[in-house]
Amino acid sequence: MIDPNGEELLEVLLSNVSNAAEGLVTALSGTKHGLTSDDYVTFGEIEGMKELNGTTHRIKFVDPYTFKVGFQEHF
C-alpha cells in the first residue's frame, strides 16, 4: 500500500498505549516507529483497548520510540 505522498505505509508493533486524553504510544522495545508529528496512524489488533481498532489518529512525535495521540481526534 502507498500513502498519498507516495511513501510506503509502515507497520509498527506496539508494547503499550496509555489510557489518557493524549495517549502515549510506545513501540515494541528497541523498535523505532519512524513517524513524525502530524503523521496519521491507524490502529489494529490492539488488545485491552479494542475501541482503538480501526481508528485513525494524527500523532505528536515524542522520541524515536514513542508518540502521542489525542483519542478524541480520530476519523
C-alpha atoms as a PDB file:
ATOM      1  CA  MET A   1       0.000   0.000   0.000  1.00  0.00           C
ATOM      2  CA  ILE A   2       1.108   3.566  -0.670  1.00  0.00           C
ATOM      3  CA  ASP A   3       0.072   6.725   1.173  1.00  0.00           C
ATOM      4  CA  PRO A   4      -0.908   9.998  -0.606  1.00  0.00           C
ATOM      5  CA  ASN A   5       2.679  11.349  -0.749  1.00  0.00           C
ATOM      6  CA  GLY A   6       3.956   8.134  -2.303  1.00  0.00           C
ATOM      7  CA  GLU A   7       5.686   6.643   0.714  1.00  0.00           C
ATOM      8  CA  GLU A   8       5.186   3.009   1.598  1.00  0.00           C
ATOM      9  CA  LEU A   9       2.960   2.539   4.646  1.00  0.00           C
ATOM     10  CA  LEU A  10       4.704   1.433   7.850  1.00  0.00           C
ATOM     11  CA  GLU A  11       3.611  -1.246  10.285  1.00  0.00           C
ATOM     12  CA  VAL A  12       4.856  -0.836  13.851  1.00  0.00           C
ATOM     13  CA  LEU A  13       4.419  -3.297  16.705  1.00  0.00           C
ATOM     14  CA  LEU A  14       3.459  -1.611  19.972  1.00  0.00           C
ATOM     15  CA  SER A  15       4.178  -2.536  23.551  1.00  0.00           C
ATOM     16  CA  ASN A  16       1.912  -0.014  25.286  1.00  0.00           C
ATOM     17  CA  VAL A  17      -0.808   2.580  24.751  1.00  0.00           C
ATOM     18  CA  SER A  18      -1.675   4.689  27.791  1.00  0.00           C
ATOM     19  CA  ASN A  19      -5.316   5.463  28.545  1.00  0.00           C
ATOM     20  CA  ALA A  20      -5.039   9.266  28.794  1.00  0.00           C
ATOM     21  CA  ALA A  21      -6.538  12.225  26.911  1.00  0.00           C
ATOM     22  CA  GLU A  22      -3.265  12.381  24.990  1.00  0.00           C
ATOM     23  CA  GLY A  23      -2.319   8.721  24.980  1.00  0.00           C
ATOM     24  CA  LEU A  24       1.361   7.855  24.971  1.00  0.00           C
ATOM     25  CA  VAL A  25       2.069   5.082  22.470  1.00  0.00           C
ATOM     26  CA  THR A  26       5.272   3.063  22.858  1.00  0.00           C
ATOM     27  CA  ALA A  27       6.793   0.888  20.146  1.00  0.00           C
ATOM     28  CA  LEU A  28       7.991  -2.609  20.963  1.00  0.00           C
ATOM     29  CA  SER A  29      11.274  -2.485  22.903  1.00  0.00           C
ATOM     30  CA  GLY A  30      14.161  -1.308  20.747  1.00  0.00           C
ATOM     31  CA  THR A  31      11.950  -0.622  17.712  1.00  0.00           C
ATOM     32  CA  LYS A  32      11.837   2.893  16.219  1.00  0.00           C
ATOM     33  CA  HIS A  33       8.398   3.889  14.959  1.00  0.00           C
ATOM     34  CA  GLY A  34       9.673   6.008  12.024  1.00  0.00           C
ATOM     35  CA  LEU A  35       6.923   8.652  12.349  1.00  0.00           C
ATOM     36  CA  THR A  36       6.935  12.452  12.633  1.00  0.00           C
ATOM     37  CA  SER A  37       4.442  14.903  14.108  1.00  0.00           C
ATOM     38  CA  ASP A  38       1.245  15.273  12.059  1.00  0.00           C
ATOM     39  CA  ASP A  39       1.599  11.793  10.533  1.00  0.00           C
ATOM     40  CA  TYR A  40      -1.503   9.642  10.838  1.00  0.00           C
ATOM     41  CA  VAL A  41      -1.736   6.144  12.277  1.00  0.00           C
ATOM     42  CA  THR A  42      -4.488   3.545  12.079  1.00  0.00           C
ATOM     43  CA  PHE A  43      -4.651   1.093  14.949  1.00  0.00           C
ATOM     44  CA  GLY A  44      -5.358  -2.600  14.531  1.00  0.00           C
ATOM     45  CA  GLU A  45      -5.203  -5.692  16.702  1.00  0.00           C
ATOM     46  CA  ILE A  46      -4.967  -3.666  19.934  1.00  0.00           C
ATOM     47  CA  GLU A  47      -5.719  -5.868  22.942  1.00  0.00           C
ATOM     48  CA  GLY A  48      -7.188  -4.265  26.055  1.00  0.00           C
ATOM     49  CA  MET A  49      -8.251  -1.102  24.184  1.00  0.00           C
ATOM     50  CA  LYS A  50     -10.311  -2.615  21.391  1.00  0.00           C
ATOM     51  CA  GLU A  51     -12.111   0.719  20.822  1.00  0.00           C
ATOM     52  CA  LEU A  52      -8.897   1.928  19.094  1.00  0.00           C
ATOM     53  CA  ASN A  53      -9.004  -0.822  16.463  1.00  0.00           C
ATOM     54  CA  GLY A  54      -9.787   0.621  13.044  1.00  0.00           C
ATOM     55  CA  THR A  55      -9.485   4.270  14.181  1.00  0.00           C
ATOM     56  CA  THR A  56      -7.073   6.779  12.643  1.00  0.00           C
ATOM     57  CA  HIS A  57      -5.257   9.464  14.667  1.00  0.00           C
ATOM     58  CA  ARG A  58      -2.852  12.327  13.995  1.00  0.00           C
ATOM     59  CA  ILE A  59       0.295  11.905  16.095  1.00  0.00           C
ATOM     60  CA  LYS A  60       2.679  14.136  18.030  1.00  0.00           C
ATOM     61  CA  PHE A  61       6.304  12.971  17.931  1.00  0.00           C
ATOM     62  CA  VAL A  62       7.855  12.442  21.384  1.00  0.00           C
ATOM     63  CA  ASP A  63      11.002  10.467  20.542  1.00  0.00           C
ATOM     64  CA  PRO A  64      12.010   7.691  18.093  1.00  0.00           C
ATOM     65  CA  TYR A  65      10.247   5.108  20.284  1.00  0.00           C
ATOM     66  CA  THR A  66       7.105   6.941  21.465  1.00  0.00           C
ATOM     67  CA  PHE A  67       4.417   9.276  20.164  1.00  0.00           C
ATOM     68  CA  LYS A  68       1.166  10.782  21.442  1.00  0.00           C
ATOM     69  CA  VAL A  69      -2.356  10.591  20.061  1.00  0.00           C
ATOM     70  CA  GLY A  70      -5.474  12.508  21.098  1.00  0.00           C
ATOM     71  CA  PHE A  71      -8.176   9.845  21.235  1.00  0.00           C
ATOM     72  CA  GLN A  72     -10.992  12.338  20.622  1.00  0.00           C
ATOM     73  CA  GLU A  73      -9.299  13.386  17.365  1.00  0.00           C
ATOM     74  CA  HIS A  74      -9.955  10.246  15.319  1.00  0.00           C
ATOM     75  CA  PHE A  75     -11.593   9.968  11.892  1.00  0.00           C
END
